[in-house]
Amino acid sequence: MHSDETTYLACILVDPSLIFKASVTEGHFFVGVNRRIFRAMHKCADANVKIDYISIGDIDREIDPAYLVTMHDSVPSAANWRYYE
């Protein structure tokens, strides 16, 4: 589960404002589920909906909620998010 992709997405779950600061695009993701999560995060941001695992799961019901919760719990802080960008 722990890869730069999942850690980066977890940082956005911890601090959703990072979605607007990132230079990463959907095409940067190699793991399909992570690409879909990133896409769902942008859909949340575009609709002015809180970016959290519930909203992401509502947008894409094929994403395993347990994966999102585990991802969210894997980083205590988003302070080093640029490292994973």
C-alpha atoms as a PDB file:
ATOM      1  CA  MET A   1       0.000   0.000   0.000  1.00  0.00           C
ATOM      2  CA  HIS A   2       2.786   2.448   0.827  1.00  0.00           C
ATOM      3  CA  SER A   3       4.061   4.029  -2.317  1.00  0.00           C
ATOM      4  CA  ASP A   4       4.751   7.599  -3.263  1.00  0.00           C
ATOM      5  CA  GLU A   5       1.371   7.673  -4.999  1.00  0.00           C
ATOM      6  CA  THR A   6      -0.632   6.528  -1.987  1.00  0.00           C
ATOM      7  CA  THR A   7       1.328   8.744   0.384  1.00  0.00           C
ATOM      8  CA  TYR A   8       0.740  11.737  -1.879  1.00  0.00           C
ATOM      9  CA  LEU A   9      -2.997  11.025  -2.004  1.00  0.00           C
ATOM     10  CA  ALA A  10      -3.042  10.522   1.757  1.00  0.00           C
ATOM     11  CA  CYS A  11      -1.492  13.964   2.189  1.00  0.00           C
ATOM     12  CA  ILE A  12      -4.375  15.433   0.171  1.00  0.00           C
ATOM     13  CA  LEU A  13      -6.853  13.571   2.392  1.00  0.00           C
ATOM     14  CA  VAL A  14      -5.152  15.085   5.460  1.00  0.00           C
ATOM     15  CA  ASP A  15      -4.983  18.575   3.919  1.00  0.00           C
ATOM     16  CA  PRO A  16      -7.451  18.907   1.004  1.00  0.00           C
ATOM     17  CA  SER A  17      -6.179  22.383   0.100  1.00  0.00           C
ATOM     18  CA  LEU A  18      -3.135  20.670  -1.420  1.00  0.00           C
ATOM     19  CA  ILE A  19      -5.247  19.638  -4.409  1.00  0.00           C
ATOM     20  CA  PHE A  20      -4.990  23.255  -5.603  1.00  0.00           C
ATOM     21  CA  LYS A  21      -1.221  23.513  -5.004  1.00  0.00           C
ATOM     22  CA  ALA A  22      -0.169  20.335  -6.757  1.00  0.00           C
ATOM     23  CA  SER A  23       1.491  20.148 -10.139  1.00  0.00           C
ATOM     24  CA  VAL A  24       0.686  16.435 -10.418  1.00  0.00           C
ATOM     25  CA  THR A  25      -1.891  15.366 -12.975  1.00  0.00           C
ATOM     26  CA  GLU A  26      -3.949  12.230 -13.387  1.00  0.00           C
ATOM     27  CA  GLY A  27      -1.413  10.969 -15.914  1.00  0.00           C
ATOM     28  CA  HIS A  28       1.304  10.811 -13.249  1.00  0.00           C
ATOM     29  CA  PHE A  29      -0.398   7.882 -11.525  1.00  0.00           C
ATOM     30  CA  PHE A  30       0.571   4.362 -12.569  1.00  0.00           C
ATOM     31  CA  VAL A  31      -1.718   2.473 -10.181  1.00  0.00           C
ATOM     32  CA  GLY A  32      -5.256   2.508 -11.584  1.00  0.00           C
ATOM     33  CA  VAL A  33      -7.091   2.870  -8.271  1.00  0.00           C
ATOM     34  CA  ASN A  34      -4.848   5.787  -7.291  1.00  0.00           C
ATOM     35  CA  ARG A  35      -5.591   7.478 -10.618  1.00  0.00           C
ATOM     36  CA  ARG A  36      -9.303   7.048  -9.941  1.00  0.00           C
ATOM     37  CA  ILE A  37      -8.953   8.426  -6.414  1.00  0.00           C
ATOM     38  CA  PHE A  38      -7.092  11.475  -7.732  1.00  0.00           C
ATOM     39  CA  ARG A  39      -9.824  11.990 -10.352  1.00  0.00           C
ATOM     40  CA  ALA A  40     -12.524  11.730  -7.662  1.00  0.00           C
ATOM     41  CA  MET A  41     -10.633  14.230  -5.489  1.00  0.00           C
ATOM     42  CA  HIS A  42     -10.669  16.715  -8.358  1.00  0.00           C
ATOM     43  CA  LYS A  43     -14.367  16.137  -8.912  1.00  0.00           C
ATOM     44  CA  CYS A  44     -14.946  16.921  -5.229  1.00  0.00           C
ATOM     45  CA  ALA A  45     -12.860  20.089  -5.490  1.00  0.00           C
ATOM     46  CA  ASP A  46     -14.619  21.190  -8.685  1.00  0.00           C
ATOM     47  CA  ALA A  47     -18.025  20.685  -7.024  1.00  0.00           C
ATOM     48  CA  ASN A  48     -16.861  22.432  -3.835  1.00  0.00           C
ATOM     49  CA  VAL A  49     -17.429  19.214  -1.874  1.00  0.00           C
ATOM     50  CA  LYS A  50     -15.199  18.265   1.032  1.00  0.00           C
ATOM     51  CA  ILE A  51     -12.432  15.909  -0.081  1.00  0.00           C
ATOM     52  CA  ASP A  52     -12.671  12.930   2.225  1.00  0.00           C
ATOM     53  CA  TYR A  53     -12.993   9.188   1.876  1.00  0.00           C
ATOM     54  CA  ILE A  54     -16.791   9.330   2.095  1.00  0.00           C
ATOM     55  CA  SER A  55     -17.126  11.844  -0.752  1.00  0.00           C
ATOM     56  CA  ILE A  56     -14.569   9.981  -2.852  1.00  0.00           C
ATOM     57  CA  GLY A  57     -16.474   6.747  -2.288  1.00  0.00           C
ATOM     58  CA  ASP A  58     -19.723   8.448  -3.271  1.00  0.00           C
ATOM     59  CA  ILE A  59     -18.182   9.619  -6.553  1.00  0.00           C
ATOM     60  CA  ASP A  60     -16.547   6.300  -7.421  1.00  0.00           C
ATOM     61  CA  ARG A  61     -18.276   3.379  -5.733  1.00  0.00           C
ATOM     62  CA  GLU A  62     -15.769   0.873  -7.100  1.00  0.00           C
ATOM     63  CA  ILE A  63     -13.021   2.235  -4.847  1.00  0.00           C
ATOM     64  CA  ASP A  64     -12.721   0.088  -1.726  1.00  0.00           C
ATOM     65  CA  PRO A  65     -13.567   2.260   1.324  1.00  0.00           C
ATOM     66  CA  ALA A  66     -11.085   0.267   3.419  1.00  0.00           C
ATOM     67  CA  TYR A  67      -8.315   1.261   0.998  1.00  0.00           C
ATOM     68  CA  LEU A  68      -9.207   4.934   1.478  1.00  0.00           C
ATOM     69  CA  VAL A  69      -9.352   4.689   5.266  1.00  0.00           C
ATOM     70  CA  THR A  70      -6.027   2.843   5.407  1.00  0.00           C
ATOM     71  CA  MET A  71      -4.515   5.433   3.071  1.00  0.00           C
ATOM     72  CA  HIS A  72      -5.798   8.288   5.222  1.00  0.00           C
ATOM     73  CA  ASP A  73      -4.451   6.711   8.392  1.00  0.00           C
ATOM     74  CA  SER A  74      -1.013   6.075   6.860  1.00  0.00           C
ATOM     75  CA  VAL A  75       0.212   9.674   7.205  1.00  0.00           C
ATOM     76  CA  PRO A  76      -0.032  11.708  10.396  1.00  0.00           C
ATOM     77  CA  SER A  77       0.751  14.977   8.631  1.00  0.00           C
ATOM     78  CA  ALA A  78       0.836  16.483   5.161  1.00  0.00           C
ATOM     79  CA  ALA A  79       3.898  18.578   5.975  1.00  0.00           C
ATOM     80  CA  ASN A  80       6.193  16.727   3.551  1.00  0.00           C
ATOM     81  CA  TRP A  81       3.756  16.448   0.659  1.00  0.00           C
ATOM     82  CA  ARG A  82       6.116  18.082  -1.859  1.00  0.00           C
ATOM     83  CA  TYR A  83       8.539  15.181  -1.412  1.00  0.00           C
ATOM     84  CA  TYR A  84       5.964  12.827  -2.937  1.00  0.00           C
ATOM     85  CA  GLU A  85       4.931  15.141  -5.773  1.00  0.00           C
END
